[in-house]
PDB file of all heavy atoms in Angstrom:
ATOM      1  N   PHE A   1       2.283   4.445  -7.806  1.00  0.00           N
ATOM      2  CA  PHE A   1       1.035   4.068  -8.470  1.00  0.00           C
ATOM      3  C   PHE A   1      -0.173   4.431  -7.620  1.00  0.00           C
ATOM      4  O   PHE A   1      -1.153   5.002  -8.114  1.00  0.00           O
ATOM      5  CB  PHE A   1       1.044   2.565  -8.759  1.00  0.00           C
ATOM      6  CG  PHE A   1      -0.295   1.997  -9.104  1.00  0.00           C
ATOM      7  CD1 PHE A   1      -0.791   2.075 -10.401  1.00  0.00           C
ATOM      8  CD2 PHE A   1      -1.081   1.379  -8.139  1.00  0.00           C
ATOM      9  CE1 PHE A   1      -2.033   1.538 -10.723  1.00  0.00           C
ATOM     10  CE2 PHE A   1      -2.310   0.850  -8.436  1.00  0.00           C
ATOM     11  CZ  PHE A   1      -2.790   0.930  -9.722  1.00  0.00           C
ATOM     12  N   LEU A   2      -0.089   4.101  -6.347  1.00  0.00           N
ATOM     13  CA  LEU A   2      -1.218   4.357  -5.450  1.00  0.00           C
ATOM     14  C   LEU A   2      -1.522   5.851  -5.367  1.00  0.00           C
ATOM     15  O   LEU A   2      -2.684   6.261  -5.287  1.00  0.00           O
ATOM     16  CB  LEU A   2      -0.912   3.796  -4.061  1.00  0.00           C
ATOM     17  CG  LEU A   2      -2.072   3.686  -3.074  1.00  0.00           C
ATOM     18  CD1 LEU A   2      -3.210   2.875  -3.665  1.00  0.00           C
ATOM     19  CD2 LEU A   2      -1.600   3.073  -1.773  1.00  0.00           C
ATOM     20  N   ASN A   3      -0.491   6.655  -5.406  1.00  0.00           N
ATOM     21  CA  ASN A   3      -0.679   8.109  -5.364  1.00  0.00           C
ATOM     22  C   ASN A   3      -1.182   8.673  -6.690  1.00  0.00           C
ATOM     23  O   ASN A   3      -1.686   9.804  -6.738  1.00  0.00           O
ATOM     24  CB  ASN A   3       0.634   8.792  -4.972  1.00  0.00           C
ATOM     25  CG  ASN A   3       1.020   8.537  -3.530  1.00  0.00           C
ATOM     26  OD1 ASN A   3       0.164   8.427  -2.660  1.00  0.00           O
ATOM     27  ND2 ASN A   3       2.317   8.454  -3.261  1.00  0.00           N
ATOM     28  N   ALA A   4      -1.047   7.888  -7.779  1.00  0.00           N
ATOM     29  CA  ALA A   4      -1.394   8.396  -9.108  1.00  0.00           C
ATOM     30  C   ALA A   4      -2.814   8.058  -9.535  1.00  0.00           C
ATOM     31  O   ALA A   4      -3.354   8.706 -10.432  1.00  0.00           O
ATOM     32  CB  ALA A   4      -0.410   7.846 -10.145  1.00  0.00           C
ATOM     33  N   ILE A   5      -3.426   7.045  -8.939  1.00  0.00           N
ATOM     34  CA  ILE A   5      -4.752   6.630  -9.409  1.00  0.00           C
ATOM     35  C   ILE A   5      -5.851   7.463  -8.768  1.00  0.00           C
ATOM     36  O   ILE A   5      -5.714   7.946  -7.643  1.00  0.00           O
ATOM     37  CB  ILE A   5      -4.995   5.122  -9.133  1.00  0.00           C
ATOM     38  CG1 ILE A   5      -4.846   4.797  -7.644  1.00  0.00           C
ATOM     39  CG2 ILE A   5      -4.072   4.276  -9.983  1.00  0.00           C
ATOM     40  CD1 ILE A   5      -5.164   3.352  -7.309  1.00  0.00           C
ATOM     41  N   ASP A   6      -6.948   7.626  -9.511  1.00  0.00           N
ATOM     42  CA  ASP A   6      -8.088   8.398  -9.012  1.00  0.00           C
ATOM     43  C   ASP A   6      -8.951   7.562  -8.083  1.00  0.00           C
ATOM     44  O   ASP A   6      -9.333   7.985  -7.009  1.00  0.00           O
ATOM     45  CB  ASP A   6      -8.939   8.899 -10.191  1.00  0.00           C
ATOM     46  CG  ASP A   6      -8.136   9.832 -11.101  1.00  0.00           C
ATOM     47  OD1 ASP A   6      -7.315  10.615 -10.562  1.00  0.00           O
ATOM     48  OD2 ASP A   6      -8.339   9.772 -12.327  1.00  0.00           O
ATOM     49  N   LYS A   7      -9.255   6.343  -8.512  1.00  0.00           N
ATOM     50  CA  LYS A   7     -10.034   5.436  -7.679  1.00  0.00           C
ATOM     51  C   LYS A   7      -9.105   4.728  -6.703  1.00  0.00           C
ATOM     52  O   LYS A   7      -7.958   4.438  -7.028  1.00  0.00           O
ATOM     53  CB  LYS A   7     -10.757   4.406  -8.546  1.00  0.00           C
ATOM     54  CG  LYS A   7     -11.793   5.004  -9.491  1.00  0.00           C
ATOM     55  CD  LYS A   7     -12.490   3.908 -10.290  1.00  0.00           C
ATOM     56  CE  LYS A   7     -13.538   4.482 -11.225  1.00  0.00           C
ATOM     57  NZ  LYS A   7     -14.218   3.419 -12.013  1.00  0.00           N
ATOM     58  N   LYS A   8      -9.600   4.451  -5.528  1.00  0.00           N
ATOM     59  CA  LYS A   8      -8.784   3.799  -4.508  1.00  0.00           C
ATOM     60  C   LYS A   8      -9.420   2.473  -4.092  1.00  0.00           C
ATOM     61  O   LYS A   8     -10.188   2.411  -3.136  1.00  0.00           O
ATOM     62  CB  LYS A   8      -8.622   4.712  -3.282  1.00  0.00           C
ATOM     63  CG  LYS A   8      -8.028   6.075  -3.564  1.00  0.00           C
ATOM     64  CD  LYS A   8      -6.573   5.991  -3.996  1.00  0.00           C
ATOM     65  CE  LYS A   8      -5.987   7.394  -4.200  1.00  0.00           C
ATOM     66  NZ  LYS A   8      -4.616   7.354  -4.725  1.00  0.00           N
ATOM     67  N   PRO A   9      -9.104   1.401  -4.828  1.00  0.00           N
ATOM     68  CA  PRO A   9      -9.606   0.092  -4.398  1.00  0.00           C
ATOM     69  C   PRO A   9      -8.905  -0.344  -3.113  1.00  0.00           C
ATOM     70  O   PRO A   9      -7.983   0.329  -2.616  1.00  0.00           O
ATOM     71  CB  PRO A   9      -9.207  -0.835  -5.561  1.00  0.00           C
ATOM     72  CG  PRO A   9      -8.805   0.075  -6.673  1.00  0.00           C
ATOM     73  CD  PRO A   9      -8.315   1.329  -6.034  1.00  0.00           C
ATOM     74  N   LEU A  10      -9.310  -1.454  -2.574  1.00  0.00           N
ATOM     75  CA  LEU A  10      -8.596  -2.043  -1.452  1.00  0.00           C
ATOM     76  C   LEU A  10      -7.236  -2.527  -1.947  1.00  0.00           C
ATOM     77  O   LEU A  10      -7.107  -3.038  -3.063  1.00  0.00           O
ATOM     78  CB  LEU A  10      -9.390  -3.214  -0.872  1.00  0.00           C
ATOM     79  CG  LEU A  10     -10.766  -2.862  -0.290  1.00  0.00           C
ATOM     80  CD1 LEU A  10     -11.522  -4.135   0.085  1.00  0.00           C
ATOM     81  CD2 LEU A  10     -10.636  -1.940   0.918  1.00  0.00           C
ATOM     82  N   ILE A  11      -6.220  -2.340  -1.111  1.00  0.00           N
ATOM     83  CA  ILE A  11      -4.848  -2.674  -1.508  1.00  0.00           C
ATOM     84  C   ILE A  11      -4.258  -3.686  -0.546  1.00  0.00           C
ATOM     85  O   ILE A  11      -4.312  -3.512   0.676  1.00  0.00           O
ATOM     86  CB  ILE A  11      -3.951  -1.422  -1.529  1.00  0.00           C
ATOM     87  CG1 ILE A  11      -4.484  -0.371  -2.518  1.00  0.00           C
ATOM     88  CG2 ILE A  11      -2.503  -1.809  -1.869  1.00  0.00           C
ATOM     89  CD1 ILE A  11      -4.404  -0.776  -3.961  1.00  0.00           C
ATOM     90  N   ILE A  12      -3.663  -4.745  -1.099  1.00  0.00           N
ATOM     91  CA  ILE A  12      -2.811  -5.645  -0.326  1.00  0.00           C
ATOM     92  C   ILE A  12      -1.425  -5.569  -0.948  1.00  0.00           C
ATOM     93  O   ILE A  12      -1.226  -5.953  -2.102  1.00  0.00           O
ATOM     94  CB  ILE A  12      -3.336  -7.092  -0.364  1.00  0.00           C
ATOM     95  CG1 ILE A  12      -4.690  -7.185   0.343  1.00  0.00           C
ATOM     96  CG2 ILE A  12      -2.329  -8.039   0.314  1.00  0.00           C
ATOM     97  CD1 ILE A  12      -5.318  -8.573   0.291  1.00  0.00           C
ATOM     98  N   PHE A  13      -0.485  -5.012  -0.191  1.00  0.00           N
ATOM     99  CA  PHE A  13       0.877  -4.904  -0.692  1.00  0.00           C
ATOM    100  C   PHE A  13       1.566  -6.264  -0.649  1.00  0.00           C
ATOM    101  O   PHE A  13       1.420  -7.028   0.304  1.00  0.00           O
ATOM    102  CB  PHE A  13       1.688  -3.908   0.135  1.00  0.00           C
ATOM    103  CG  PHE A  13       1.443  -2.469  -0.207  1.00  0.00           C
ATOM    104  CD1 PHE A  13       0.998  -1.574   0.749  1.00  0.00           C
ATOM    105  CD2 PHE A  13       1.677  -2.003  -1.499  1.00  0.00           C
ATOM    106  CE1 PHE A  13       0.782  -0.240   0.426  1.00  0.00           C
ATOM    107  CE2 PHE A  13       1.458  -0.669  -1.833  1.00  0.00           C
ATOM    108  CZ  PHE A  13       1.008   0.211  -0.859  1.00  0.00           C
ATOM    109  N   THR A  14       2.354  -6.561  -1.697  1.00  0.00           N
ATOM    110  CA  THR A  14       3.161  -7.776  -1.754  1.00  0.00           C
ATOM    111  C   THR A  14       4.592  -7.362  -2.078  1.00  0.00           C
ATOM    112  O   THR A  14       4.827  -6.693  -3.074  1.00  0.00           O
ATOM    113  CB  THR A  14       2.641  -8.744  -2.825  1.00  0.00           C
ATOM    114  OG1 THR A  14       2.705  -8.119  -4.114  1.00  0.00           O
ATOM    115  CG2 THR A  14       1.201  -9.142  -2.529  1.00  0.00           C
ATOM    116  N   THR A  15       5.528  -7.765  -1.256  1.00  0.00           N
ATOM    117  CA  THR A  15       6.905  -7.324  -1.465  1.00  0.00           C
ATOM    118  C   THR A  15       7.879  -8.268  -0.797  1.00  0.00           C
ATOM    119  O   THR A  15       7.510  -9.005   0.133  1.00  0.00           O
ATOM    120  CB  THR A  15       7.114  -5.899  -0.920  1.00  0.00           C
ATOM    121  OG1 THR A  15       8.470  -5.503  -1.111  1.00  0.00           O
ATOM    122  CG2 THR A  15       6.775  -5.841   0.559  1.00  0.00           C
ATOM    123  N   ALA A  16       9.112  -8.263  -1.276  1.00  0.00           N
ATOM    124  CA  ALA A  16      10.159  -9.073  -0.660  1.00  0.00           C
ATOM    125  C   ALA A  16      10.829  -8.350   0.498  1.00  0.00           C
ATOM    126  O   ALA A  16      11.679  -8.903   1.178  1.00  0.00           O
ATOM    127  CB  ALA A  16      11.204  -9.444  -1.715  1.00  0.00           C
ATOM    128  N   TYR A  17      10.429  -7.108   0.731  1.00  0.00           N
ATOM    129  CA  TYR A  17      11.092  -6.291   1.750  1.00  0.00           C
ATOM    130  C   TYR A  17      10.107  -5.889   2.839  1.00  0.00           C
ATOM    131  O   TYR A  17       9.002  -5.431   2.560  1.00  0.00           O
ATOM    132  CB  TYR A  17      11.694  -5.034   1.114  1.00  0.00           C
ATOM    133  CG  TYR A  17      12.619  -5.339  -0.029  1.00  0.00           C
ATOM    134  CD1 TYR A  17      12.148  -5.327  -1.344  1.00  0.00           C
ATOM    135  CD2 TYR A  17      13.954  -5.667   0.188  1.00  0.00           C
ATOM    136  CE1 TYR A  17      12.987  -5.630  -2.406  1.00  0.00           C
ATOM    137  CE2 TYR A  17      14.800  -5.960  -0.866  1.00  0.00           C
ATOM    138  CZ  TYR A  17      14.310  -5.940  -2.155  1.00  0.00           C
ATOM    139  OH  TYR A  17      15.144  -6.238  -3.196  1.00  0.00           O
ATOM    140  N   SER A  18      10.526  -6.040   4.077  1.00  0.00           N
ATOM    141  CA  SER A  18       9.650  -5.688   5.203  1.00  0.00           C
ATOM    142  C   SER A  18       9.788  -4.219   5.601  1.00  0.00           C
ATOM    143  O   SER A  18       9.043  -3.730   6.439  1.00  0.00           O
ATOM    144  CB  SER A  18       9.972  -6.571   6.415  1.00  0.00           C
ATOM    145  OG  SER A  18      11.335  -6.412   6.797  1.00  0.00           O
ATOM    146  N   ASP A  19      10.717  -3.497   4.970  1.00  0.00           N
ATOM    147  CA  ASP A  19      10.996  -2.113   5.373  1.00  0.00           C
ATOM    148  C   ASP A  19       9.827  -1.168   5.128  1.00  0.00           C
ATOM    149  O   ASP A  19       9.744  -0.109   5.749  1.00  0.00           O
ATOM    150  CB  ASP A  19      12.226  -1.578   4.615  1.00  0.00           C
ATOM    151  CG  ASP A  19      13.472  -2.403   4.882  1.00  0.00           C
ATOM    152  OD1 ASP A  19      13.452  -3.201   5.832  1.00  0.00           O
ATOM    153  OD2 ASP A  19      14.445  -2.252   4.139  1.00  0.00           O
ATOM    154  N   TYR A  20       8.937  -1.517   4.200  1.00  0.00           N
ATOM    155  CA  TYR A  20       7.854  -0.609   3.826  1.00  0.00           C
ATOM    156  C   TYR A  20       6.560  -0.843   4.603  1.00  0.00           C
ATOM    157  O   TYR A  20       5.540  -0.233   4.307  1.00  0.00           O
ATOM    158  CB  TYR A  20       7.536  -0.763   2.333  1.00  0.00           C
ATOM    159  CG  TYR A  20       8.650  -0.358   1.413  1.00  0.00           C
ATOM    160  CD1 TYR A  20       9.475  -1.326   0.852  1.00  0.00           C
ATOM    161  CD2 TYR A  20       8.873   0.969   1.090  1.00  0.00           C
ATOM    162  CE1 TYR A  20      10.500  -0.972  -0.004  1.00  0.00           C
ATOM    163  CE2 TYR A  20       9.890   1.342   0.222  1.00  0.00           C
ATOM    164  CZ  TYR A  20      10.697   0.360  -0.313  1.00  0.00           C
ATOM    165  OH  TYR A  20      11.705   0.724  -1.167  1.00  0.00           O
ATOM    166  N   ALA A  21       6.610  -1.727   5.582  1.00  0.00           N
ATOM    167  CA  ALA A  21       5.372  -2.107   6.266  1.00  0.00           C
ATOM    168  C   ALA A  21       4.643  -0.910   6.864  1.00  0.00           C
ATOM    169  O   ALA A  21       3.441  -0.732   6.675  1.00  0.00           O
ATOM    170  CB  ALA A  21       5.670  -3.142   7.349  1.00  0.00           C
ATOM    171  N   VAL A  22       5.367  -0.085   7.599  1.00  0.00           N
ATOM    172  CA  VAL A  22       4.728   1.064   8.256  1.00  0.00           C
ATOM    173  C   VAL A  22       4.143   2.018   7.230  1.00  0.00           C
ATOM    174  O   VAL A  22       2.999   2.461   7.348  1.00  0.00           O
ATOM    175  CB  VAL A  22       5.740   1.792   9.163  1.00  0.00           C
ATOM    176  CG1 VAL A  22       5.112   3.075   9.709  1.00  0.00           C
ATOM    177  CG2 VAL A  22       6.171   0.897  10.304  1.00  0.00           C
ATOM    178  N   GLU A  23       4.924   2.312   6.173  1.00  0.00           N
ATOM    179  CA  GLU A  23       4.439   3.220   5.133  1.00  0.00           C
ATOM    180  C   GLU A  23       3.213   2.627   4.441  1.00  0.00           C
ATOM    181  O   GLU A  23       2.254   3.335   4.128  1.00  0.00           O
ATOM    182  CB  GLU A  23       5.542   3.478   4.106  1.00  0.00           C
ATOM    183  CG  GLU A  23       5.153   4.497   3.052  1.00  0.00           C
ATOM    184  CD  GLU A  23       6.310   4.882   2.154  1.00  0.00           C
ATOM    185  OE1 GLU A  23       7.389   4.291   2.295  1.00  0.00           O
ATOM    186  OE2 GLU A  23       6.127   5.771   1.317  1.00  0.00           O
ATOM    187  N   GLY A  24       3.230   1.298   4.226  1.00  0.00           N
ATOM    188  CA  GLY A  24       2.099   0.642   3.593  1.00  0.00           C
ATOM    189  C   GLY A  24       0.826   0.803   4.392  1.00  0.00           C
ATOM    190  O   GLY A  24      -0.230   1.133   3.849  1.00  0.00           O
ATOM    191  N   PHE A  25       0.897   0.601   5.675  1.00  0.00           N
ATOM    192  CA  PHE A  25      -0.293   0.742   6.510  1.00  0.00           C
ATOM    193  C   PHE A  25      -0.709   2.206   6.633  1.00  0.00           C
ATOM    194  O   PHE A  25      -1.901   2.508   6.736  1.00  0.00           O
ATOM    195  CB  PHE A  25      -0.052   0.131   7.887  1.00  0.00           C
ATOM    196  CG  PHE A  25      -0.094  -1.369   7.880  1.00  0.00           C
ATOM    197  CD1 PHE A  25       1.015  -2.118   8.203  1.00  0.00           C
ATOM    198  CD2 PHE A  25      -1.260  -2.037   7.522  1.00  0.00           C
ATOM    199  CE1 PHE A  25       0.978  -3.504   8.178  1.00  0.00           C
ATOM    200  CE2 PHE A  25      -1.317  -3.423   7.502  1.00  0.00           C
ATOM    201  CZ  PHE A  25      -0.185  -4.158   7.835  1.00  0.00           C
ATOM    202  N   ASN A  26       0.261   3.114   6.607  1.00  0.00           N
ATOM    203  CA  ASN A  26      -0.085   4.544   6.636  1.00  0.00           C
ATOM    204  C   ASN A  26      -0.845   4.965   5.385  1.00  0.00           C
ATOM    205  O   ASN A  26      -1.608   5.931   5.406  1.00  0.00           O
ATOM    206  CB  ASN A  26       1.190   5.394   6.780  1.00  0.00           C
ATOM    207  CG  ASN A  26       1.768   5.335   8.181  1.00  0.00           C
ATOM    208  OD1 ASN A  26       1.079   4.979   9.132  1.00  0.00           O
ATOM    209  ND2 ASN A  26       3.044   5.676   8.320  1.00  0.00           N
ATOM    210  N   LEU A  27      -0.638   4.247   4.288  1.00  0.00           N
ATOM    211  CA  LEU A  27      -1.349   4.538   3.047  1.00  0.00           C
ATOM    212  C   LEU A  27      -2.717   3.845   2.994  1.00  0.00           C
ATOM    213  O   LEU A  27      -3.414   3.913   1.993  1.00  0.00           O
ATOM    214  CB  LEU A  27      -0.501   4.097   1.850  1.00  0.00           C
ATOM    215  CG  LEU A  27       0.736   4.960   1.569  1.00  0.00           C
ATOM    216  CD1 LEU A  27       1.632   4.283   0.542  1.00  0.00           C
ATOM    217  CD2 LEU A  27       0.331   6.346   1.088  1.00  0.00           C
ATOM    218  N   GLY A  28      -3.078   3.204   4.075  1.00  0.00           N
ATOM    219  CA  GLY A  28      -4.404   2.601   4.162  1.00  0.00           C
ATOM    220  C   GLY A  28      -4.502   1.213   3.572  1.00  0.00           C
ATOM    221  O   GLY A  28      -5.604   0.769   3.229  1.00  0.00           O
ATOM    222  N   ALA A  29      -3.382   0.529   3.431  1.00  0.00           N
ATOM    223  CA  ALA A  29      -3.416  -0.820   2.880  1.00  0.00           C
ATOM    224  C   ALA A  29      -4.170  -1.766   3.805  1.00  0.00           C
ATOM    225  O   ALA A  29      -4.115  -1.633   5.026  1.00  0.00           O
ATOM    226  CB  ALA A  29      -1.991  -1.339   2.653  1.00  0.00           C
ATOM    227  N   VAL A  30      -4.851  -2.717   3.207  1.00  0.00           N
ATOM    228  CA  VAL A  30      -5.549  -3.747   3.982  1.00  0.00           C
ATOM    229  C   VAL A  30      -4.543  -4.609   4.726  1.00  0.00           C
ATOM    230  O   VAL A  30      -4.720  -4.942   5.896  1.00  0.00           O
ATOM    231  CB  VAL A  30      -6.399  -4.642   3.058  1.00  0.00           C
ATOM    232  CG1 VAL A  30      -6.993  -5.816   3.827  1.00  0.00           C
ATOM    233  CG2 VAL A  30      -7.494  -3.829   2.398  1.00  0.00           C
ATOM    234  N   ASP A  31      -3.471  -4.961   4.032  1.00  0.00           N
ATOM    235  CA  ASP A  31      -2.460  -5.823   4.637  1.00  0.00           C
ATOM    236  C   ASP A  31      -1.155  -5.682   3.873  1.00  0.00           C
ATOM    237  O   ASP A  31      -1.095  -5.049   2.812  1.00  0.00           O
ATOM    238  CB  ASP A  31      -2.928  -7.283   4.624  1.00  0.00           C
ATOM    239  CG  ASP A  31      -2.314  -8.090   5.761  1.00  0.00           C
ATOM    240  OD1 ASP A  31      -1.351  -7.616   6.392  1.00  0.00           O
ATOM    241  OD2 ASP A  31      -2.804  -9.202   6.015  1.00  0.00           O
TER     242      ASP A  31
END
């Protein structure tokens, strides 16, 4: 989804899995 949208609002990822933390921050997530 993040790669598909034109506008880039601030993002806070919410997930049950901690495996994506590094990728999330690499995508510019706030938290």
